[in-house]
Protein backbone atom coordinates (compact mmCIF):
# COMPACT_ATOMS: atom_id res chain seq x y z
CA MET A 1 -4.99 -20.05 1.27
CA ALA A 2 -7.23 -17.44 -0.39
CA PRO A 3 -7.52 -13.66 -0.40
CA ALA A 4 -10.05 -11.94 1.83
CA GLY A 5 -13.37 -11.82 0.02
CA ALA A 6 -16.15 -9.32 -0.52
CA GLY A 7 -17.28 -7.70 2.72
CA SER A 8 -13.80 -7.86 4.25
CA VAL A 9 -12.01 -4.83 5.64
CA THR A 10 -9.22 -5.47 3.14
CA TRP A 11 -11.63 -5.14 0.23
CA SER A 12 -13.31 -2.01 1.60
CA VAL A 13 -9.94 -0.28 2.13
CA ASN A 14 -7.96 -1.41 -0.91
CA ARG A 15 -10.73 -0.74 -3.44
CA GLU A 16 -10.49 3.03 -2.79
CA MET A 17 -8.11 4.96 -5.03
CA VAL A 18 -7.65 7.55 -2.28
CA VAL A 19 -5.75 4.94 -0.24
CA VAL A 20 -2.57 5.93 -2.10
CA ALA A 21 -2.70 9.31 -0.33
CA GLY A 22 -1.53 7.58 2.85
CA TRP A 23 1.38 5.75 1.32
CA GLY A 24 3.78 8.68 1.67
CA ARG A 25 3.54 8.44 5.45
CA ALA A 26 4.08 4.68 5.27
CA ILE A 27 7.16 5.10 3.08
CA LEU A 28 8.75 7.72 5.35
CA LEU A 29 8.13 5.53 8.39
CA GLN A 30 9.78 2.65 6.57
CA LEU A 31 12.75 4.82 5.62
CA ALA A 32 13.27 5.71 9.27
CA HIS A 33 14.68 2.19 9.64
CA PRO A 34 18.36 2.48 8.59
CA SER A 35 18.45 -0.93 6.87
CA ILE A 36 15.39 -0.16 4.77
CA ALA A 37 16.80 3.25 3.88
CA ALA A 38 20.05 1.59 2.79
CA ALA A 39 18.20 -0.99 0.69
CA LEU A 40 16.07 1.60 -1.09
CA HIS A 41 19.02 3.97 -1.51
CA ASP A 42 20.99 1.22 -3.27
CA HIS A 43 18.22 -0.46 -5.26
CA SER A 44 15.23 1.85 -5.71
CA SER A 45 14.23 4.30 -8.44
CA PHE A 46 12.81 6.81 -5.94
CA ARG A 47 15.26 9.49 -7.03
CA GLY A 48 14.66 9.06 -10.75
CA GLY A 49 12.01 11.76 -11.06
CA LEU A 50 8.28 11.86 -11.51
CA GLY A 51 8.10 9.24 -14.28
CA PRO A 52 9.87 6.45 -12.35
CA ALA A 53 7.84 7.35 -9.26
CA VAL A 54 4.59 6.88 -11.20
CA ARG A 55 5.82 3.57 -12.65
CA ARG A 56 6.78 2.36 -9.19
CA LEU A 57 3.38 3.39 -7.83
CA ARG A 58 1.63 1.60 -10.67
CA ALA A 59 3.55 -1.61 -10.01
CA THR A 60 2.89 -1.42 -6.27
CA VAL A 61 -0.83 -0.79 -6.71
CA GLY A 62 -1.04 -3.55 -9.29
CA ALA A 63 0.46 -6.05 -6.85
CA MET A 64 -1.90 -4.86 -4.10
CA LEU A 65 -4.93 -5.32 -6.35
CA SER A 66 -3.86 -8.77 -7.50
CA ILE A 67 -3.33 -9.92 -3.92
CA THR A 68 -6.61 -8.39 -2.73
CA PHE A 69 -9.01 -9.08 -5.59
CA GLY A 70 -7.34 -11.86 -7.55
CA GLY A 71 -7.65 -15.54 -6.81
CA PRO A 72 -4.97 -17.78 -5.32
CA GLU A 73 -3.11 -17.95 -8.66
CA ALA A 74 -3.00 -14.17 -9.09
CA MET A 75 -2.07 -13.70 -5.43
CA ILE A 76 0.79 -16.20 -5.61
CA ALA A 77 2.03 -14.71 -8.90
CA ALA A 78 2.07 -11.20 -7.41
CA ALA A 79 3.93 -12.44 -4.33
CA ALA A 80 6.41 -14.29 -6.55
CA GLY A 81 7.09 -11.03 -8.38
CA ILE A 82 7.72 -9.27 -5.07
CA ASN A 83 10.03 -12.06 -3.92
CA THR A 84 11.95 -11.91 -7.21
CA ILE A 85 12.61 -8.22 -6.61
CA HIS A 86 13.55 -8.95 -3.01
CA ASP A 87 16.08 -11.55 -4.20
CA ARG A 88 18.08 -8.69 -5.72
CA VAL A 89 17.78 -6.36 -2.73
CA ARG A 90 20.60 -7.30 -0.43
CA GLY A 91 23.77 -5.62 0.71
CA ALA A 92 25.95 -4.94 3.70
CA GLY A 93 23.71 -5.32 6.75
CA TYR A 94 20.37 -5.81 5.02
CA SER A 95 18.26 -8.21 3.00
CA ALA A 96 14.75 -7.61 1.70
CA HIS A 97 13.90 -11.15 2.87
CA ASP A 98 14.73 -10.31 6.50
CA PRO A 99 11.47 -11.00 8.40
CA GLU A 100 12.18 -8.11 10.79
CA LEU A 101 12.35 -5.63 7.91
CA GLN A 102 9.33 -7.21 6.21
CA ARG A 103 7.29 -6.83 9.37
CA TRP A 104 8.19 -3.15 9.77
CA VAL A 105 7.34 -2.43 6.12
CA HIS A 106 4.05 -4.30 6.47
CA GLU A 107 2.91 -2.64 9.69
CA CYS A 108 3.63 0.86 8.38
CA LEU A 109 0.84 0.31 5.86
CA VAL A 110 -1.96 -0.20 8.38
CA GLY A 111 -4.02 2.97 8.26
CA PRO A 112 -6.61 4.60 10.53
CA LEU A 113 -9.56 2.25 11.05
CA THR A 114 -12.05 1.66 13.82
CA PRO A 115 -10.81 -0.70 16.57
CA ALA A 116 -12.92 -3.59 15.27
CA GLU A 117 -11.79 -2.95 11.67
CA ARG A 118 -8.14 -2.90 12.73
CA ASP A 119 -8.59 -6.28 14.44
CA ARG A 120 -10.15 -7.75 11.30
CA TYR A 121 -7.58 -6.14 9.04
CA CYS A 122 -4.72 -7.62 11.06
CA VAL A 123 -6.19 -11.12 10.76
CA GLU A 124 -6.82 -10.72 7.03
CA ALA A 125 -3.36 -9.28 6.36
CA ALA A 126 -1.66 -12.25 7.98
CA ILE A 127 -2.07 -14.06 4.66
CA MET A 128 1.16 -12.30 3.64
CA GLU A 129 3.24 -14.43 6.03
CA PRO A 130 3.53 -17.54 3.83
CA LEU A 131 3.54 -15.51 0.62
CA LEU A 132 6.66 -13.57 1.63
CA GLY A 133 8.31 -16.30 3.67
CA MET A 134 7.66 -14.87 7.12
CA PRO A 135 7.30 -17.29 10.06
CA HIS A 136 3.78 -18.23 11.12
CA GLY A 137 2.52 -15.83 13.78
CA TRP A 138 5.08 -13.17 12.84
CA LEU A 139 2.51 -10.48 12.05
CA PRO A 140 0.13 -9.13 14.72
CA ARG A 141 -3.36 -10.58 14.83
CA ASP A 142 -5.15 -7.68 16.53
CA ARG A 143 -4.77 -3.97 17.25
CA ALA A 144 -3.26 -4.54 20.70
CA GLN A 145 -0.36 -6.53 19.23
CA LEU A 146 0.00 -4.00 16.40
CA ASP A 147 0.06 -1.00 18.75
CA ALA A 148 2.54 -2.72 21.07
CA TYR A 149 4.85 -3.44 18.14
CA MET A 150 4.64 0.11 16.78
CA ASP A 151 5.27 1.59 20.24
CA GLU A 152 8.27 -0.68 20.67
CA MET A 153 9.76 0.28 17.30
CA LEU A 154 9.21 3.99 17.90
CA GLY A 155 10.62 3.88 21.41
CA ASN A 156 13.50 1.41 21.42
CA GLY A 157 16.01 3.36 19.34
CA ARG A 158 15.97 0.96 16.38
CA LEU A 159 14.68 3.71 14.13
CA ALA A 160 17.25 6.30 13.18
CA VAL A 161 16.67 8.76 10.35
CA ASN A 162 19.97 9.22 8.55
CA ASP A 163 21.22 11.07 5.48
CA ALA A 164 20.05 8.32 3.12
CA SER A 165 16.60 8.47 4.72
CA ARG A 166 16.42 12.23 4.21
CA VAL A 167 17.54 12.09 0.57
CA LEU A 168 14.91 9.47 -0.21
CA ALA A 169 12.22 11.28 1.76
CA HIS A 170 12.87 14.44 -0.24
CA ALA A 171 12.59 12.40 -3.46
CA VAL A 172 9.24 11.00 -2.31
CA LEU A 173 7.81 14.35 -1.26
CA TYR A 174 9.35 16.63 -3.88
CA PRO A 175 10.29 14.72 -7.05
CA PRO A 176 11.46 16.77 -10.02
CA ARG A 177 8.60 18.67 -11.69
CA TRP A 178 6.18 17.71 -8.93
CA ARG A 179 4.47 21.09 -9.26
CA ALA A 180 3.09 19.92 -12.60
CA ALA A 181 0.90 17.58 -10.54
CA TRP A 182 0.35 20.02 -7.66
CA PRO A 183 -3.32 19.11 -6.95
CA ALA A 184 -2.25 15.53 -6.32
CA PHE A 185 1.07 16.16 -4.58
CA ARG A 186 0.14 18.97 -2.21
CA PRO A 187 -2.42 17.01 -0.16
CA MET A 188 -0.08 14.01 -0.16
CA GLN A 189 2.76 16.16 1.17
CA LEU A 190 0.60 17.65 3.91
CA LEU A 191 -0.88 14.29 4.88
CA THR A 192 2.52 12.61 4.91
CA ILE A 193 4.31 15.25 6.98
CA GLY A 194 1.39 16.03 9.30
CA SER A 195 0.62 12.40 10.16
CA LEU A 196 4.18 11.37 10.99
CA PRO A 197 5.00 10.95 14.68
CA ALA A 198 6.51 14.26 15.80
CA PRO A 199 9.96 12.79 16.68
CA ILE A 200 10.23 11.18 13.23
CA ARG A 201 9.12 14.40 11.54
CA ARG A 202 11.75 16.40 13.43
CA ALA A 203 14.44 13.82 12.61
CA TYR A 204 13.68 14.28 8.92
CA GLY A 205 13.98 18.05 9.37
CA LEU A 206 10.46 18.58 8.01
CA ALA A 207 8.85 21.84 9.08
CA TRP A 208 5.27 21.79 10.35
CA SER A 209 3.40 24.96 11.28
CA ALA A 210 -0.08 25.92 12.41
CA ARG A 211 -0.70 27.13 8.86
CA ASP A 212 0.24 23.69 7.54
CA ALA A 213 -2.13 22.08 10.03
CA ARG A 214 -5.00 24.29 8.82
CA ALA A 215 -4.20 23.47 5.20
CA LEU A 216 -4.19 19.75 6.03
CA ALA A 217 -7.58 20.08 7.72
CA ARG A 218 -8.99 21.74 4.60
CA TRP A 219 -7.59 19.14 2.23
CA THR A 220 -8.76 16.31 4.48
CA ALA A 221 -12.27 17.76 4.53
CA VAL A 222 -12.25 17.92 0.72
CA LEU A 223 -11.08 14.32 0.43
CA ARG A 224 -13.76 13.12 2.84
CA VAL A 225 -16.48 14.90 0.86
CA LEU A 226 -15.17 13.40 -2.38
CA VAL A 227 -15.11 9.89 -0.94
CA ARG A 228 -18.68 10.27 0.30
CA CYS A 229 -20.10 11.93 -2.81
CA LEU A 230 -18.31 10.43 -5.79
CA PRO A 231 -19.79 7.28 -7.34
CA PRO A 232 -17.84 4.02 -7.21
CA ALA A 233 -16.83 4.46 -10.86
CA ALA A 234 -14.80 7.52 -9.84
CA ARG A 235 -13.51 6.21 -6.49
CA HIS A 236 -12.74 2.52 -6.90
CA TRP A 237 -10.00 0.80 -8.87
CA PRO A 238 -11.28 -0.82 -12.09
CA MET A 239 -10.39 -4.32 -10.89
CA ALA A 240 -12.36 -3.79 -7.66
CA ARG A 241 -15.39 -2.52 -9.61
CA MET A 242 -15.23 -5.47 -11.95
CA MET A 243 -15.16 -7.98 -9.10
CA SER A 244 -17.95 -6.21 -7.19
CA LYS A 245 -20.31 -6.58 -10.19
CA CYS A 246 -19.68 -10.27 -10.71
CA SER A 247 -21.78 -13.08 -9.34
CA PRO A 248 -20.02 -15.58 -7.03
CA ASP A 249 -19.67 -18.04 -9.93
CA GLU A 250 -18.25 -15.37 -12.20
CA LYS A 251 -15.79 -14.31 -9.49
CA ARG A 252 -14.56 -17.90 -9.18
CA LEU A 253 -14.21 -18.14 -12.95
CA LEU A 254 -12.33 -14.84 -13.23
CA ARG A 255 -10.01 -15.81 -10.41
CA SER A 256 -9.25 -19.09 -12.16
CA HIS A 257 -8.78 -17.35 -15.55
CA PRO A 258 -8.00 -13.70 -14.84
CA PRO A 259 -8.26 -11.23 -17.75
CA ARG A 260 -5.02 -10.22 -19.37
CA ARG A 261 -3.57 -7.01 -17.99
CA SER A 262 -4.15 -4.13 -20.36
CA ARG A 263 -2.02 -1.03 -20.81
CA SER A 264 -4.50 1.21 -19.00
CA TRP A 265 -4.24 1.89 -15.32
CA LEU A 266 -4.39 -1.28 -13.34
CA THR A 267 -6.38 -4.06 -14.88
CA ALA A 268 -8.42 -1.98 -16.82
CA ARG A 269 -11.54 -0.76 -18.29
CA GLY A 270 -11.28 -3.29 -21.07
CA ALA A 271 -11.28 -6.12 -18.55
CA SER A 272 -14.41 -4.79 -16.86
CA ARG A 273 -16.23 -4.73 -20.22
CA ARG A 274 -14.98 -8.11 -21.26
CA ARG A 275 -17.76 -10.59 -21.95
CA LEU A 276 -17.83 -13.27 -19.26
CA PRO A 277 -18.45 -16.93 -20.06
CA PRO A 278 -21.78 -18.36 -18.93
CA PRO A 279 -22.02 -18.87 -15.15
CA LEU A 280 -20.88 -22.22 -13.87
CA THR A 281 -23.66 -24.60 -12.94
CA PRO A 282 -23.22 -27.38 -10.43
CA ALA A 283 -23.42 -30.92 -11.68
CA PRO A 284 -26.78 -32.59 -10.97
């Protein structure tokens, strides 16, 4: 069992910092499931303000990067941390270890890709089954299975936005003092609300006007230009940049002995400048 390597769809998607812009939509879709809303209402720091939200984002991104770019040891350690948190998340009618809830959370994270990329991403993402204790074959292996599952969830009445969902959604979209980070939050708000399925958006009571749609189009155009024009140093997570510059032997060595996590954002500039040991050479 090993993470998807360089050249995979998982690498090309998860290395981009802008990927976090789509997580608001994923979270609100997750919260439309009453059991997930109850679990997060009882156990999450969503409502704690901007600081806890940033800390939660940092932890989530850190786990994503370890699972994507780390070796088997880093991947298993990150999954163990997730499972430890899930051990504490249980209550009346829900458990974070419930495979049904895990599958809904997982599938809400699959973003817009080409058909071929979605097929590849589904196959690569199936590595999460054993890591989180899901049965083999539980996650879809191609876009047809994914689309069928999403259509079923959206159409079978199992999703029901309730008061807990709305409270948490408001905390995600409008945390206290969010206007201090307006350039980051405004496009996220527009992208989150505008990309939700219309019935889910209406159930949350979120307004969406033609003016909002035009604003989303403008912000989306800006983001696309930035992604195309900015250099990797400004677009990619430090850990992804570090791994992309390493030789295959250095990648294997780093995955066996990953650099210590620094205090800077997510595995760190210091790690990328760290002097690597000499490349491994095969025995004669």
